[in-house]
PDB file of N, CA and C in Angstrom:
ATOM      1  N   MET A   1     -32.833  25.802  63.806  1.00  0.00           N
ATOM      2  CA  MET A   1     -32.434  24.182  63.640  1.00  0.00           C
ATOM      3  C   MET A   1     -31.764  23.539  64.868  1.00  0.00           C
ATOM      4  N   GLU A   2     -32.109  22.403  64.579  1.00  0.00           N
ATOM      5  CA  GLU A   2     -31.427  21.733  65.995  1.00  0.00           C
ATOM      6  C   GLU A   2     -30.446  20.914  65.593  1.00  0.00           C
ATOM      7  N   GLU A   3     -29.715  20.638  66.670  1.00  0.00           N
ATOM      8  CA  GLU A   3     -28.476  20.028  66.180  1.00  0.00           C
ATOM      9  C   GLU A   3     -28.649  18.212  65.620  1.00  0.00           C
ATOM     10  N   GLN A   4     -29.599  17.829  65.803  1.00  0.00           N
ATOM     11  CA  GLN A   4     -30.361  16.493  65.123  1.00  0.00           C
ATOM     12  C   GLN A   4     -30.684  16.878  63.581  1.00  0.00           C
ATOM     13  N   ASP A   5     -31.048  17.884  63.566  1.00  0.00           N
ATOM     14  CA  ASP A   5     -31.948  18.403  61.906  1.00  0.00           C
ATOM     15  C   ASP A   5     -30.644  18.701  61.268  1.00  0.00           C
ATOM     16  N   ILE A   6     -29.548  19.398  61.972  1.00  0.00           N
ATOM     17  CA  ILE A   6     -28.288  19.214  60.736  1.00  0.00           C
ATOM     18  C   ILE A   6     -27.549  18.267  60.654  1.00  0.00           C
ATOM     19  N   LEU A   7     -27.477  17.496  61.841  1.00  0.00           N
ATOM     20  CA  LEU A   7     -26.802  16.107  61.265  1.00  0.00           C
ATOM     21  C   LEU A   7     -27.436  15.389  60.499  1.00  0.00           C
ATOM     22  N   GLU A   8     -28.729  15.372  60.605  1.00  0.00           N
ATOM     23  CA  GLU A   8     -29.663  14.446  59.453  1.00  0.00           C
ATOM     24  C   GLU A   8     -29.285  14.990  58.144  1.00  0.00           C
ATOM     25  N   ASN A   9     -29.029  16.732  58.010  1.00  0.00           N
ATOM     26  CA  ASN A   9     -29.121  16.862  56.662  1.00  0.00           C
ATOM     27  C   ASN A   9     -27.644  16.627  56.130  1.00  0.00           C
ATOM     28  N   LEU A  10     -27.005  16.797  57.259  1.00  0.00           N
ATOM     29  CA  LEU A  10     -25.405  16.441  56.783  1.00  0.00           C
ATOM     30  C   LEU A  10     -25.472  15.109  56.098  1.00  0.00           C
ATOM     31  N   VAL A  11     -25.871  14.054  56.870  1.00  0.00           N
ATOM     32  CA  VAL A  11     -26.195  12.646  56.608  1.00  0.00           C
ATOM     33  C   VAL A  11     -26.620  12.580  55.014  1.00  0.00           C
ATOM     34  N   ASN A  12     -27.640  13.442  55.117  1.00  0.00           N
ATOM     35  CA  ASN A  12     -28.586  12.941  53.464  1.00  0.00           C
ATOM     36  C   ASN A  12     -27.589  13.604  52.522  1.00  0.00           C
ATOM     37  N   LEU A  13     -26.723  14.914  52.764  1.00  0.00           N
ATOM     38  CA  LEU A  13     -26.062  15.534  51.718  1.00  0.00           C
ATOM     39  C   LEU A  13     -24.611  14.480  51.817  1.00  0.00           C
ATOM     40  N   ASP A  14     -24.493  13.763  52.685  1.00  0.00           N
ATOM     41  CA  ASP A  14     -23.157  12.917  52.382  1.00  0.00           C
ATOM     42  C   ASP A  14     -23.602  11.943  51.689  1.00  0.00           C
ATOM     43  N   SER A  15     -24.926  11.015  51.977  1.00  0.00           N
ATOM     44  CA  SER A  15     -25.246  10.270  50.924  1.00  0.00           C
ATOM     45  C   SER A  15     -25.732  10.677  49.541  1.00  0.00           C
ATOM     46  N   ARG A  16     -26.009  11.911  49.383  1.00  0.00           N
ATOM     47  CA  ARG A  16     -26.418  12.617  48.280  1.00  0.00           C
ATOM     48  C   ARG A  16     -24.950  12.541  47.056  1.00  0.00           C
ATOM     49  N   ALA A  17     -24.256  12.903  48.108  1.00  0.00           N
ATOM     50  CA  ALA A  17     -22.547  13.101  47.234  1.00  0.00           C
ATOM     51  C   ALA A  17     -21.880  11.951  46.964  1.00  0.00           C
ATOM     52  N   ILE A  18     -21.966  10.793  47.978  1.00  0.00           N
ATOM     53  CA  ILE A  18     -21.886   9.875  47.493  1.00  0.00           C
ATOM     54  C   ILE A  18     -22.417   9.410  46.090  1.00  0.00           C
ATOM     55  N   GLU A  19     -23.398   9.338  46.326  1.00  0.00           N
ATOM     56  CA  GLU A  19     -24.471   8.709  45.125  1.00  0.00           C
ATOM     57  C   GLU A  19     -24.276   9.666  43.742  1.00  0.00           C
ATOM     58  N   ILE A  20     -24.016  10.753  43.792  1.00  0.00           N
ATOM     59  CA  ILE A  20     -23.158  11.657  42.807  1.00  0.00           C
ATOM     60  C   ILE A  20     -21.993  11.209  42.117  1.00  0.00           C
ATOM     61  N   ASN A  21     -21.340  10.770  43.528  1.00  0.00           N
ATOM     62  CA  ASN A  21     -19.921  10.230  42.927  1.00  0.00           C
ATOM     63  C   ASN A  21     -19.832   8.872  42.201  1.00  0.00           C
ATOM     64  N   GLU A  22     -20.370   8.093  42.904  1.00  0.00           N
ATOM     65  CA  GLU A  22     -20.921   6.958  42.316  1.00  0.00           C
ATOM     66  C   GLU A  22     -21.337   6.920  40.773  1.00  0.00           C
ATOM     67  N   LYS A  23     -22.582   7.455  40.669  1.00  0.00           N
ATOM     68  CA  LYS A  23     -22.939   8.034  39.657  1.00  0.00           C
ATOM     69  C   LYS A  23     -21.987   8.457  38.236  1.00  0.00           C
ATOM     70  N   ARG A  24     -21.078   9.775  38.821  1.00  0.00           N
ATOM     71  CA  ARG A  24     -19.879  10.131  38.118  1.00  0.00           C
ATOM     72  C   ARG A  24     -18.859   8.963  37.575  1.00  0.00           C
ATOM     73  N   LYS A  25     -18.779   7.972  38.618  1.00  0.00           N
ATOM     74  CA  LYS A  25     -17.823   6.974  38.207  1.00  0.00           C
ATOM     75  C   LYS A  25     -18.364   5.825  37.116  1.00  0.00           C
ATOM     76  N   LYS A  26     -19.384   5.593  37.058  1.00  0.00           N
ATOM     77  CA  LYS A  26     -19.988   4.720  35.962  1.00  0.00           C
ATOM     78  C   LYS A  26     -20.279   5.447  34.991  1.00  0.00           C
ATOM     79  N   GLN A  27     -20.290   7.097  34.628  1.00  0.00           N
ATOM     80  CA  GLN A  27     -20.641   7.806  33.610  1.00  0.00           C
ATOM     81  C   GLN A  27     -19.112   7.755  33.005  1.00  0.00           C
ATOM     82  N   LEU A  28     -18.190   7.977  33.854  1.00  0.00           N
ATOM     83  CA  LEU A  28     -16.610   7.909  33.479  1.00  0.00           C
ATOM     84  C   LEU A  28     -16.330   6.812  32.958  1.00  0.00           C
ATOM     85  N   ALA A  29     -16.530   5.400  33.337  1.00  0.00           N
ATOM     86  CA  ALA A  29     -16.246   4.316  33.107  1.00  0.00           C
ATOM     87  C   ALA A  29     -16.920   4.166  31.591  1.00  0.00           C
ATOM     88  N   GLU A  30     -17.957   4.511  31.363  1.00  0.00           N
ATOM     89  CA  GLU A  30     -19.240   4.386  30.176  1.00  0.00           C
ATOM     90  C   GLU A  30     -18.131   5.225  28.952  1.00  0.00           C
ATOM     91  N   LEU A  31     -18.027   6.301  29.379  1.00  0.00           N
ATOM     92  CA  LEU A  31     -17.212   7.383  28.442  1.00  0.00           C
ATOM     93  C   LEU A  31     -16.023   6.819  28.203  1.00  0.00           C
ATOM     94  N   THR A  32     -14.949   6.206  29.191  1.00  0.00           N
ATOM     95  CA  THR A  32     -13.820   5.382  28.866  1.00  0.00           C
ATOM     96  C   THR A  32     -13.894   4.305  27.988  1.00  0.00           C
ATOM     97  N   LYS A  33     -15.188   3.596  28.422  1.00  0.00           N
ATOM     98  CA  LYS A  33     -15.809   2.728  27.327  1.00  0.00           C
ATOM     99  C   LYS A  33     -15.839   2.683  25.628  1.00  0.00           C
ATOM    100  N   LYS A  34     -16.604   3.877  25.681  1.00  0.00           N
ATOM    101  CA  LYS A  34     -16.700   4.364  24.536  1.00  0.00           C
ATOM    102  C   LYS A  34     -15.960   5.383  23.598  1.00  0.00           C
ATOM    103  N   TYR A  35     -14.887   5.604  24.410  1.00  0.00           N
ATOM    104  CA  TYR A  35     -13.681   6.608  23.778  1.00  0.00           C
ATOM    105  C   TYR A  35     -12.494   5.231  23.547  1.00  0.00           C
ATOM    106  N   LYS A  36     -12.454   4.075  24.044  1.00  0.00           N
ATOM    107  CA  LYS A  36     -11.718   2.888  23.712  1.00  0.00           C
ATOM    108  C   LYS A  36     -12.216   2.518  22.303  1.00  0.00           C
ATOM    109  N   GLU A  37     -13.575   2.048  22.184  1.00  0.00           N
ATOM    110  CA  GLU A  37     -14.155   1.699  20.840  1.00  0.00           C
ATOM    111  C   GLU A  37     -13.748   2.428  19.934  1.00  0.00           C
ATOM    112  N   GLU A  38     -14.344   3.699  20.004  1.00  0.00           N
ATOM    113  CA  GLU A  38     -13.990   4.620  18.913  1.00  0.00           C
ATOM    114  C   GLU A  38     -12.482   4.609  18.649  1.00  0.00           C
ATOM    115  N   GLU A  39     -11.912   4.762  19.247  1.00  0.00           N
ATOM    116  CA  GLU A  39     -10.126   4.987  19.218  1.00  0.00           C
ATOM    117  C   GLU A  39     -10.377   3.509  18.657  1.00  0.00           C
ATOM    118  N   ALA A  40     -10.390   2.063  18.721  1.00  0.00           N
ATOM    119  CA  ALA A  40     -10.290   1.128  17.778  1.00  0.00           C
ATOM    120  C   ALA A  40     -10.829   1.163  16.650  1.00  0.00           C
ATOM    121  N   LYS A  41     -12.050   1.487  16.705  1.00  0.00           N
ATOM    122  CA  LYS A  41     -12.299   1.916  15.488  1.00  0.00           C
ATOM    123  C   LYS A  41     -11.539   2.892  14.250  1.00  0.00           C
ATOM    124  N   ILE A  42     -11.345   3.980  14.964  1.00  0.00           N
ATOM    125  CA  ILE A  42     -10.795   5.152  14.068  1.00  0.00           C
ATOM    126  C   ILE A  42      -9.141   4.272  13.662  1.00  0.00           C
ATOM    127  N   ILE A  43      -8.563   3.448  14.404  1.00  0.00           N
ATOM    128  CA  ILE A  43      -7.134   2.588  13.964  1.00  0.00           C
ATOM    129  C   ILE A  43      -7.466   1.808  13.210  1.00  0.00           C
ATOM    130  N   ASN A  44      -8.386   1.258  13.242  1.00  0.00           N
ATOM    131  CA  ASN A  44      -8.932  -0.022  12.434  1.00  0.00           C
ATOM    132  C   ASN A  44      -9.122   0.717  10.822  1.00  0.00           C
ATOM    133  N   HIS A  45      -9.833   1.755  10.718  1.00  0.00           N
ATOM    134  CA  HIS A  45     -10.295   2.614   9.430  1.00  0.00           C
ATOM    135  C   HIS A  45      -8.966   2.897   8.841  1.00  0.00           C
ATOM    136  N   TYR A  46      -8.107   3.250   9.950  1.00  0.00           N
ATOM    137  CA  TYR A  46      -6.794   3.702   9.211  1.00  0.00           C
ATOM    138  C   TYR A  46      -5.908   2.687   8.735  1.00  0.00           C
ATOM    139  N   LYS A  47      -5.821   1.646   9.477  1.00  0.00           N
ATOM    140  CA  LYS A  47      -5.206   0.713   9.215  1.00  0.00           C
ATOM    141  C   LYS A  47      -5.878  -0.071   7.654  1.00  0.00           C
ATOM    142  N   LYS A  48      -6.896  -0.129   7.666  1.00  0.00           N
ATOM    143  CA  LYS A  48      -7.244  -0.521   6.135  1.00  0.00           C
ATOM    144  C   LYS A  48      -7.217   0.569   5.078  1.00  0.00           C
ATOM    145  N   LEU A  49      -7.301   1.638   5.163  1.00  0.00           N
ATOM    146  CA  LEU A  49      -6.486   2.527   4.448  1.00  0.00           C
ATOM    147  C   LEU A  49      -5.589   2.500   3.765  1.00  0.00           C
ATOM    148  N   ILE A  50      -4.552   2.367   5.215  1.00  0.00           N
ATOM    149  CA  ILE A  50      -3.003   2.266   4.623  1.00  0.00           C
ATOM    150  C   ILE A  50      -3.234   0.928   3.788  1.00  0.00           C
ATOM    151  N   GLU A  51      -3.682  -0.326   3.905  1.00  0.00           N
ATOM    152  CA  GLU A  51      -3.492  -1.507   3.373  1.00  0.00           C
ATOM    153  C   GLU A  51      -3.745  -1.292   2.113  1.00  0.00           C
ATOM    154  N   GLU A  52      -5.307  -0.719   2.014  1.00  0.00           N
ATOM    155  CA  GLU A  52      -5.504  -0.381   0.468  1.00  0.00           C
ATOM    156  C   GLU A  52      -4.396   0.669  -0.351  1.00  0.00           C
ATOM    157  N   GLU A  53      -4.074   1.765   0.748  1.00  0.00           N
ATOM    158  CA  GLU A  53      -3.100   2.396  -0.534  1.00  0.00           C
ATOM    159  C   GLU A  53      -2.170   1.550  -0.666  1.00  0.00           C
ATOM    160  N   LYS A  54      -1.605   0.555   0.266  1.00  0.00           N
ATOM    161  CA  LYS A  54      -0.256   0.090   0.516  1.00  0.00           C
ATOM    162  C   LYS A  54      -0.506  -1.217  -1.249  1.00  0.00           C
ATOM    163  N   ARG A  55      -1.845  -1.827  -1.303  1.00  0.00           N
ATOM    164  CA  ARG A  55      -2.412  -2.569  -2.175  1.00  0.00           C
ATOM    165  C   ARG A  55      -2.140  -1.756  -3.591  1.00  0.00           C
ATOM    166  N   ALA A  56      -2.708  -0.447  -3.635  1.00  0.00           N
ATOM    167  CA  ALA A  56      -2.869   0.268  -4.994  1.00  0.00           C
ATOM    168  C   ALA A  56      -1.151   0.480  -5.228  1.00  0.00           C
ATOM    169  N   ALA A  57      -0.470   0.913  -4.323  1.00  0.00           N
ATOM    170  CA  ALA A  57       0.790   1.395  -4.716  1.00  0.00           C
ATOM    171  C   ALA A  57       2.069   0.030  -5.443  1.00  0.00           C
ATOM    172  N   VAL A  58       1.521  -1.225  -4.639  1.00  0.00           N
ATOM    173  CA  VAL A  58       2.183  -2.204  -5.207  1.00  0.00           C
ATOM    174  C   VAL A  58       1.735  -2.585  -6.284  1.00  0.00           C
ATOM    175  N   GLN A  59       0.663  -2.364  -6.723  1.00  0.00           N
ATOM    176  CA  GLN A  59      -0.204  -2.756  -8.031  1.00  0.00           C
ATOM    177  C   GLN A  59       0.339  -1.730  -9.267  1.00  0.00           C
ATOM    178  N   LYS A  60       0.304  -0.230  -8.915  1.00  0.00           N
ATOM    179  CA  LYS A  60       1.225   0.485  -9.736  1.00  0.00           C
ATOM    180  C   LYS A  60       2.447   0.475 -10.462  1.00  0.00           C
ATOM    181  N   ILE A  61       3.651  -0.118  -9.295  1.00  0.00           N
ATOM    182  CA  ILE A  61       4.535  -0.437  -9.356  1.00  0.00           C
ATOM    183  C   ILE A  61       4.852  -1.790 -10.200  1.00  0.00           C
ATOM    184  N   GLN A  62       3.895  -2.805  -9.909  1.00  0.00           N
ATOM    185  CA  GLN A  62       3.889  -3.949 -10.900  1.00  0.00           C
ATOM    186  C   GLN A  62       3.575  -3.537 -12.223  1.00  0.00           C
ATOM    187  N   GLN A  63       2.533  -2.644 -12.458  1.00  0.00           N
ATOM    188  CA  GLN A  63       1.914  -2.459 -13.883  1.00  0.00           C
ATOM    189  C   GLN A  63       3.404  -1.616 -14.353  1.00  0.00           C
ATOM    190  N   GLU A  64       3.883  -0.723 -13.740  1.00  0.00           N
ATOM    191  CA  GLU A  64       5.180   0.105 -14.489  1.00  0.00           C
ATOM    192  C   GLU A  64       6.294  -1.142 -14.758  1.00  0.00           C
ATOM    193  N   ALA A  65       6.628  -2.074 -13.799  1.00  0.00           N
ATOM    194  CA  ALA A  65       7.575  -2.778 -13.834  1.00  0.00           C
ATOM    195  C   ALA A  65       7.233  -3.979 -15.297  1.00  0.00           C
ATOM    196  N   GLN A  66       5.787  -4.158 -14.888  1.00  0.00           N
ATOM    197  CA  GLN A  66       5.503  -4.871 -16.301  1.00  0.00           C
ATOM    198  C   GLN A  66       5.770  -4.174 -17.778  1.00  0.00           C
ATOM    199  N   GLN A  67       5.031  -3.028 -17.725  1.00  0.00           N
ATOM    200  CA  GLN A  67       5.223  -2.121 -18.974  1.00  0.00           C
ATOM    201  C   GLN A  67       6.990  -2.111 -19.344  1.00  0.00           C
ATOM    202  N   GLU A  68       8.040  -1.473 -18.183  1.00  0.00           N
ATOM    203  CA  GLU A  68       8.969  -2.022 -18.833  1.00  0.00           C
ATOM    204  C   GLU A  68       9.333  -3.039 -19.264  1.00  0.00           C
ATOM    205  N   VAL A  69       9.245  -4.191 -18.884  1.00  0.00           N
ATOM    206  CA  VAL A  69       9.536  -5.731 -19.165  1.00  0.00           C
ATOM    207  C   VAL A  69       9.117  -5.312 -20.394  1.00  0.00           C
ATOM    208  N   ASN A  70       7.800  -5.053 -20.773  1.00  0.00           N
ATOM    209  CA  ASN A  70       7.219  -5.314 -22.191  1.00  0.00           C
ATOM    210  C   ASN A  70       8.099  -4.181 -23.247  1.00  0.00           C
ATOM    211  N   GLN A  71       8.407  -3.223 -22.562  1.00  0.00           N
ATOM    212  CA  GLN A  71       9.129  -2.575 -23.818  1.00  0.00           C
ATOM    213  C   GLN A  71      10.814  -3.037 -24.076  1.00  0.00           C
ATOM    214  N   LEU A  72      11.397  -3.756 -22.910  1.00  0.00           N
ATOM    215  CA  LEU A  72      12.375  -4.138 -22.982  1.00  0.00           C
ATOM    216  C   LEU A  72      12.219  -5.050 -24.120  1.00  0.00           C
ATOM    217  N   LYS A  73      11.627  -6.114 -23.967  1.00  0.00           N
ATOM    218  CA  LYS A  73      11.337  -7.373 -24.780  1.00  0.00           C
ATOM    219  C   LYS A  73      11.118  -6.696 -25.892  1.00  0.00           C
ATOM    220  N   LEU A  74      10.508  -5.742 -26.363  1.00  0.00           N
ATOM    221  CA  LEU A  74      10.211  -5.492 -27.590  1.00  0.00           C
ATOM    222  C   LEU A  74      11.405  -4.691 -28.492  1.00  0.00           C
ATOM    223  N   ASN A  75      12.262  -3.666 -27.443  1.00  0.00           N
ATOM    224  CA  ASN A  75      13.513  -3.425 -28.060  1.00  0.00           C
ATOM    225  C   ASN A  75      14.353  -4.552 -28.087  1.00  0.00           C
ATOM    226  N   ASN A  76      14.380  -5.484 -27.527  1.00  0.00           N
ATOM    227  CA  ASN A  76      15.437  -6.534 -27.768  1.00  0.00           C
ATOM    228  C   ASN A  76      15.124  -7.027 -28.959  1.00  0.00           C
ATOM    229  N   LYS A  77      13.567  -7.481 -29.203  1.00  0.00           N
ATOM    230  CA  LYS A  77      13.240  -7.971 -30.160  1.00  0.00           C
ATOM    231  C   LYS A  77      13.589  -7.629 -31.835  1.00  0.00           C
ATOM    232  N   GLU A  78      13.164  -6.002 -31.221  1.00  0.00           N
ATOM    233  CA  GLU A  78      13.868  -5.015 -32.864  1.00  0.00           C
ATOM    234  C   GLU A  78      15.099  -5.152 -33.205  1.00  0.00           C
ATOM    235  N   LEU A  79      15.790  -5.312 -32.279  1.00  0.00           N
ATOM    236  CA  LEU A  79      17.792  -5.367 -32.042  1.00  0.00           C
ATOM    237  C   LEU A  79      17.973  -6.488 -32.734  1.00  0.00           C
ATOM    238  N   LEU A  80      17.280  -7.599 -31.993  1.00  0.00           N
ATOM    239  CA  LEU A  80      17.458  -9.048 -32.793  1.00  0.00           C
ATOM    240  C   LEU A  80      17.297  -9.110 -34.532  1.00  0.00           C
ATOM    241  N   GLU A  81      16.043  -8.356 -34.597  1.00  0.00           N
ATOM    242  CA  GLU A  81      15.782  -8.446 -35.815  1.00  0.00           C
ATOM    243  C   GLU A  81      16.811  -7.784 -36.805  1.00  0.00           C
ATOM    244  N   ASP A  82      16.862  -6.742 -36.181  1.00  0.00           N
ATOM    245  CA  ASP A  82      17.834  -5.680 -37.103  1.00  0.00           C
ATOM    246  C   ASP A  82      19.200  -6.324 -36.879  1.00  0.00           C
ATOM    247  N   MET A  83      19.495  -6.942 -35.953  1.00  0.00           N
ATOM    248  CA  MET A  83      20.860  -7.643 -36.358  1.00  0.00           C
ATOM    249  C   MET A  83      21.163  -9.033 -36.715  1.00  0.00           C
ATOM    250  N   ASN A  84      19.762 -10.014 -37.093  1.00  0.00           N
ATOM    251  CA  ASN A  84      19.798 -10.853 -38.067  1.00  0.00           C
ATOM    252  C   ASN A  84      19.862 -10.163 -39.310  1.00  0.00           C
ATOM    253  N   GLN A  85      19.199  -9.183 -39.565  1.00  0.00           N
ATOM    254  CA  GLN A  85      18.870  -8.647 -41.300  1.00  0.00           C
ATOM    255  C   GLN A  85      20.268  -8.302 -41.639  1.00  0.00           C
ATOM    256  N   LYS A  86      21.158  -7.433 -40.536  1.00  0.00           N
ATOM    257  CA  LYS A  86      22.618  -7.229 -41.056  1.00  0.00           C
ATOM    258  C   LYS A  86      23.519  -7.912 -41.030  1.00  0.00           C
ATOM    259  N   PHE A  87      23.475  -9.427 -40.358  1.00  0.00           N
ATOM    260  CA  PHE A  87      23.989 -10.455 -40.713  1.00  0.00           C
ATOM    261  C   PHE A  87      23.686 -11.407 -42.086  1.00  0.00           C
ATOM    262  N   GLU A  88      22.624 -11.079 -42.514  1.00  0.00           N
ATOM    263  CA  GLU A  88      21.920 -11.870 -43.438  1.00  0.00           C
ATOM    264  C   GLU A  88      22.735 -11.529 -44.594  1.00  0.00           C
ATOM    265  N   ALA A  89      22.380  -9.649 -44.454  1.00  0.00           N
ATOM    266  CA  ALA A  89      23.187  -8.989 -45.621  1.00  0.00           C
ATOM    267  C   ALA A  89      24.607  -9.303 -45.965  1.00  0.00           C
ATOM    268  N   HIS A  90      25.407  -9.037 -44.399  1.00  0.00           N
ATOM    269  CA  HIS A  90      26.837  -9.315 -44.807  1.00  0.00           C
ATOM    270  C   HIS A  90      27.240 -10.634 -45.145  1.00  0.00           C
ATOM    271  N   LEU A  91      26.174 -11.518 -44.811  1.00  0.00           N
ATOM    272  CA  LEU A  91      26.540 -13.150 -45.520  1.00  0.00           C
ATOM    273  C   LEU A  91      25.876 -12.977 -46.689  1.00  0.00           C
ATOM    274  N   ALA A  92      25.304 -12.507 -47.311  1.00  0.00           N
ATOM    275  CA  ALA A  92      24.746 -12.303 -48.704  1.00  0.00           C
ATOM    276  C   ALA A  92      26.122 -11.722 -49.573  1.00  0.00           C
ATOM    277  N   ASP A  93      26.657 -10.616 -48.756  1.00  0.00           N
ATOM    278  CA  ASP A  93      27.723  -9.903 -49.389  1.00  0.00           C
ATOM    279  C   ASP A  93      28.931 -11.470 -49.330  1.00  0.00           C
ATOM    280  N   ILE A  94      29.273 -11.867 -48.470  1.00  0.00           N
ATOM    281  CA  ILE A  94      30.652 -12.780 -48.126  1.00  0.00           C
ATOM    282  C   ILE A  94      30.300 -13.967 -49.303  1.00  0.00           C
ATOM    283  N   THR A  95      29.220 -14.403 -48.942  1.00  0.00           N
ATOM    284  CA  THR A  95      28.976 -15.575 -50.011  1.00  0.00           C
ATOM    285  C   THR A  95      29.107 -15.049 -51.643  1.00  0.00           C
ATOM    286  N   GLU A  96      28.833 -13.612 -52.187  1.00  0.00           N
ATOM    287  CA  GLU A  96      28.777 -13.338 -53.557  1.00  0.00           C
ATOM    288  C   GLU A  96      30.153 -12.581 -53.931  1.00  0.00           C
ATOM    289  N   GLU A  97      31.060 -12.381 -52.564  1.00  0.00           N
ATOM    290  CA  GLU A  97      32.158 -12.212 -52.840  1.00  0.00           C
ATOM    291  C   GLU A  97      33.181 -13.671 -52.982  1.00  0.00           C
ATOM    292  N   ILE A  98      32.662 -14.539 -52.297  1.00  0.00           N
ATOM    293  CA  ILE A  98      33.338 -15.931 -52.394  1.00  0.00           C
ATOM    294  C   ILE A  98      33.079 -16.274 -53.888  1.00  0.00           C
ATOM    295  N   VAL A  99      32.076 -16.242 -54.606  1.00  0.00           N
ATOM    296  CA  VAL A  99      31.536 -16.671 -55.548  1.00  0.00           C
ATOM    297  C   VAL A  99      32.066 -16.120 -56.629  1.00  0.00           C
ATOM    298  N   LYS A 100      32.416 -14.964 -56.429  1.00  0.00           N
ATOM    299  CA  LYS A 100      33.090 -13.933 -57.310  1.00  0.00           C
ATOM    300  C   LYS A 100      34.444 -14.737 -57.672  1.00  0.00           C
ATOM    301  N   LYS A 101      35.252 -14.456 -56.363  1.00  0.00           N
ATOM    302  CA  LYS A 101      36.548 -14.736 -56.381  1.00  0.00           C
ATOM    303  C   LYS A 101      36.705 -16.383 -56.774  1.00  0.00           C
ATOM    304  N   ILE A 102      35.971 -17.137 -56.797  1.00  0.00           N
ATOM    305  CA  ILE A 102      35.850 -18.615 -57.393  1.00  0.00           C
ATOM    306  C   ILE A 102      35.905 -18.404 -58.935  1.00  0.00           C
ATOM    307  N   LEU A 103      34.872 -17.535 -59.492  1.00  0.00           N
ATOM    308  CA  LEU A 103      34.627 -17.646 -60.689  1.00  0.00           C
ATOM    309  C   LEU A 103      35.540 -16.720 -61.573  1.00  0.00           C
ATOM    310  N   GLU A 104      36.379 -16.103 -60.672  1.00  0.00           N
ATOM    311  CA  GLU A 104      37.760 -15.114 -61.372  1.00  0.00           C
ATOM    312  C   GLU A 104      38.812 -16.395 -61.030  1.00  0.00           C
ATOM    313  N   SER A 105      39.082 -17.196 -60.440  1.00  0.00           N
ATOM    314  CA  SER A 105      39.868 -17.782 -60.300  1.00  0.00           C
ATOM    315  C   SER A 105      40.006 -19.067 -61.511  1.00  0.00           C
ATOM    316  N   ASN A 106      38.480 -19.248 -61.663  1.00  0.00           N
ATOM    317  CA  ASN A 106      38.290 -20.187 -62.654  1.00  0.00           C
ATOM    318  C   ASN A 106      38.396 -19.720 -64.032  1.00  0.00           C
ATOM    319  N   ARG A 107      38.756 -18.537 -64.044  1.00  0.00           N
ATOM    320  CA  ARG A 107      39.110 -18.063 -65.476  1.00  0.00           C
ATOM    321  C   ARG A 107      40.566 -17.969 -65.831  1.00  0.00           C
TER     322      ARG A 107
END
């Protein structure tokens, strides 16, 4: 081979190497773009999952708190009814005793 053929081959190889390099750069840029898009999708997906779990946890806590409030209200109502019954019974006993003493003092 002549020197000119060798130089021509080297120029062709160099041109081809440049083309391949440019092609690889474009592929790398595209892969990087796809990676970033996929990464963003995954992040958004997990953000949604976290938000849903947070909402579910808050709702569960609110339901449990409301159940406790309802139970406390029921317990308080029962306690007040019991106290009222005892008060009425004591009031009746006191009234009966007062009437009894009045009647005894009138005799």
